[in-house]
C-alpha cells in the first residue's frame, strides 16, 4: 500500500525525518539502518480516470513526527493512463503537544 504513492511530509520547507521503513520502501537506505525490516506489501491499483478511492496511510510509519507544529502533506502517483504524475491537494496538519 505504501508503495502505491509517493508521500512527502515537510515542516518549515524541509522533509521531516524518515523512518527506517520509509527508507526501505523508497530505496533511500542509510548505512546505519538495520538490515532486517518488516516487509511491506505491494498492491496493484488499476483505477479508472476521474474516479476517487479512499486509502488510509499511517504517517508515523513513514516519518518521525516528534515535535508540534504545522506540517505540509502532499501525495503523488505516476498515472500510466495519462503518462503524468498526479499530485494531491496540499494538506496542512497542525500537530499539537
C-alpha atoms as a PDB file:
ATOM      1  CA  UNK A   1       0.000   0.000   0.000  1.00  0.00           C
ATOM      2  CA  UNK A   2       2.767   2.489   0.901  1.00  0.00           C
ATOM      3  CA  UNK A   3       4.470   1.963  -2.459  1.00  0.00           C
ATOM      4  CA  UNK A   4       1.365   3.000  -4.403  1.00  0.00           C
ATOM      5  CA  UNK A   5       2.026   6.686  -3.697  1.00  0.00           C
ATOM      6  CA  UNK A   6       4.933   8.989  -3.052  1.00  0.00           C
ATOM      7  CA  UNK A   7       4.324  10.678   0.285  1.00  0.00           C
ATOM      8  CA  UNK A   8       6.066  13.963   1.119  1.00  0.00           C
ATOM      9  CA  UNK A   9       5.714  15.435   4.598  1.00  0.00           C
ATOM     10  CA  UNK A  10       7.501  18.719   5.226  1.00  0.00           C
ATOM     11  CA  UNK A  11       7.886  21.157   8.090  1.00  0.00           C
ATOM     12  CA  UNK A  12       9.332  24.635   7.541  1.00  0.00           C
ATOM     13  CA  UNK A  13      10.074  23.714   3.926  1.00  0.00           C
ATOM     14  CA  UNK A  14      12.197  20.631   4.681  1.00  0.00           C
ATOM     15  CA  UNK A  15      11.256  16.967   4.573  1.00  0.00           C
ATOM     16  CA  UNK A  16      10.588  15.512   8.017  1.00  0.00           C
ATOM     17  CA  UNK A  17      12.999  12.804   9.240  1.00  0.00           C
ATOM     18  CA  UNK A  18      12.012   9.491   7.662  1.00  0.00           C
ATOM     19  CA  UNK A  19      11.688   6.128   9.393  1.00  0.00           C
ATOM     20  CA  UNK A  20      13.688   3.019   8.536  1.00  0.00           C
ATOM     21  CA  UNK A  21      10.502   1.589   7.000  1.00  0.00           C
ATOM     22  CA  UNK A  22      10.146   4.574   4.653  1.00  0.00           C
ATOM     23  CA  UNK A  23      13.774   4.400   3.608  1.00  0.00           C
ATOM     24  CA  UNK A  24      13.411   0.673   2.946  1.00  0.00           C
ATOM     25  CA  UNK A  25      10.393   1.024   0.644  1.00  0.00           C
ATOM     26  CA  UNK A  26      11.730   4.105  -1.153  1.00  0.00           C
ATOM     27  CA  UNK A  27      15.271   2.783  -1.625  1.00  0.00           C
ATOM     28  CA  UNK A  28      16.869   5.567   0.433  1.00  0.00           C
ATOM     29  CA  UNK A  29      18.827   3.249   2.734  1.00  0.00           C
ATOM     30  CA  UNK A  30      21.398   4.577   5.150  1.00  0.00           C
ATOM     31  CA  UNK A  31      24.451   2.638   6.240  1.00  0.00           C
ATOM     32  CA  UNK A  32      23.198   2.927   9.841  1.00  0.00           C
ATOM     33  CA  UNK A  33      19.821   1.288   9.006  1.00  0.00           C
ATOM     34  CA  UNK A  34      19.338  -2.284  10.245  1.00  0.00           C
ATOM     35  CA  UNK A  35      19.378  -4.960   7.557  1.00  0.00           C
ATOM     36  CA  UNK A  36      16.121  -6.603   8.627  1.00  0.00           C
ATOM     37  CA  UNK A  37      12.928  -4.555   8.335  1.00  0.00           C
ATOM     38  CA  UNK A  38       9.376  -5.834   8.362  1.00  0.00           C
ATOM     39  CA  UNK A  39       8.490  -6.333   4.701  1.00  0.00           C
ATOM     40  CA  UNK A  40       5.704  -4.252   3.269  1.00  0.00           C
ATOM     41  CA  UNK A  41       3.105  -5.462   0.863  1.00  0.00           C
ATOM     42  CA  UNK A  42       2.505  -4.260  -2.640  1.00  0.00           C
ATOM     43  CA  UNK A  43      -0.777  -3.954  -4.451  1.00  0.00           C
ATOM     44  CA  UNK A  44      -1.812  -3.005  -7.920  1.00  0.00           C
ATOM     45  CA  UNK A  45      -4.200  -0.077  -8.092  1.00  0.00           C
ATOM     46  CA  UNK A  46      -5.817  -0.012 -11.507  1.00  0.00           C
ATOM     47  CA  UNK A  47      -8.380   2.733 -11.290  1.00  0.00           C
ATOM     48  CA  UNK A  48     -10.475   4.472 -13.923  1.00  0.00           C
ATOM     49  CA  UNK A  49      -9.616   8.150 -14.574  1.00  0.00           C
ATOM     50  CA  UNK A  50     -11.799  10.600 -12.697  1.00  0.00           C
ATOM     51  CA  UNK A  51     -12.868   8.107 -10.029  1.00  0.00           C
ATOM     52  CA  UNK A  52     -11.979   8.544  -6.387  1.00  0.00           C
ATOM     53  CA  UNK A  53     -10.949   5.999  -3.796  1.00  0.00           C
ATOM     54  CA  UNK A  54     -10.008   6.166  -0.128  1.00  0.00           C
ATOM     55  CA  UNK A  55      -6.875   4.668   1.410  1.00  0.00           C
ATOM     56  CA  UNK A  56      -5.596   5.046   4.978  1.00  0.00           C
ATOM     57  CA  UNK A  57      -1.906   5.852   5.438  1.00  0.00           C
ATOM     58  CA  UNK A  58      -0.249   5.857   8.863  1.00  0.00           C
ATOM     59  CA  UNK A  59       2.231   8.756   8.595  1.00  0.00           C
ATOM     60  CA  UNK A  60       4.062   7.599  11.726  1.00  0.00           C
ATOM     61  CA  UNK A  61       5.234   4.500   9.798  1.00  0.00           C
ATOM     62  CA  UNK A  62       6.929   6.808   7.291  1.00  0.00           C
ATOM     63  CA  UNK A  63       8.023   9.845   9.296  1.00  0.00           C
ATOM     64  CA  UNK A  64       9.413  10.682  12.738  1.00  0.00           C
ATOM     65  CA  UNK A  65       6.776  13.210  13.810  1.00  0.00           C
ATOM     66  CA  UNK A  66       8.243  14.254  17.146  1.00  0.00           C
ATOM     67  CA  UNK A  67       7.525  17.962  17.507  1.00  0.00           C
ATOM     68  CA  UNK A  68       4.401  20.097  17.431  1.00  0.00           C
ATOM     69  CA  UNK A  69       3.958  22.494  14.543  1.00  0.00           C
ATOM     70  CA  UNK A  70       2.448  22.878  11.105  1.00  0.00           C
ATOM     71  CA  UNK A  71       3.313  20.102   8.669  1.00  0.00           C
ATOM     72  CA  UNK A  72       2.520  20.008   4.959  1.00  0.00           C
ATOM     73  CA  UNK A  73       1.498  16.772   3.255  1.00  0.00           C
ATOM     74  CA  UNK A  74       1.397  16.048  -0.485  1.00  0.00           C
ATOM     75  CA  UNK A  75       0.882  12.683  -2.152  1.00  0.00           C
ATOM     76  CA  UNK A  76       1.712  11.919  -5.756  1.00  0.00           C
ATOM     77  CA  UNK A  77       1.474   8.963  -8.074  1.00  0.00           C
ATOM     78  CA  UNK A  78       2.502   8.268 -11.644  1.00  0.00           C
ATOM     79  CA  UNK A  79      -0.588   7.657 -13.772  1.00  0.00           C
ATOM     80  CA  UNK A  80       0.043   5.152 -16.563  1.00  0.00           C
ATOM     81  CA  UNK A  81      -3.097   6.220 -18.398  1.00  0.00           C
ATOM     82  CA  UNK A  82      -2.159   9.899 -18.789  1.00  0.00           C
ATOM     83  CA  UNK A  83       1.623   9.323 -18.524  1.00  0.00           C
ATOM     84  CA  UNK A  84       1.907  12.121 -15.949  1.00  0.00           C
ATOM     85  CA  UNK A  85       2.491  12.465 -12.236  1.00  0.00           C
ATOM     86  CA  UNK A  86      -0.750  13.267 -10.432  1.00  0.00           C
ATOM     87  CA  UNK A  87      -0.490  15.249  -7.191  1.00  0.00           C
ATOM     88  CA  UNK A  88      -2.967  15.579  -4.362  1.00  0.00           C
ATOM     89  CA  UNK A  89      -4.113  18.858  -2.941  1.00  0.00           C
ATOM     90  CA  UNK A  90      -1.769  20.171  -0.258  1.00  0.00           C
ATOM     91  CA  UNK A  91      -2.921  19.368   3.266  1.00  0.00           C
ATOM     92  CA  UNK A  92      -1.658  21.330   6.282  1.00  0.00           C
ATOM     93  CA  UNK A  93      -1.566  19.390   9.548  1.00  0.00           C
ATOM     94  CA  UNK A  94      -1.337  21.239  12.846  1.00  0.00           C
ATOM     95  CA  UNK A  95       0.303  18.868  15.341  1.00  0.00           C
ATOM     96  CA  UNK A  96      -0.214  19.980  18.929  1.00  0.00           C
ATOM     97  CA  UNK A  97       1.583  18.762  22.096  1.00  0.00           C
END
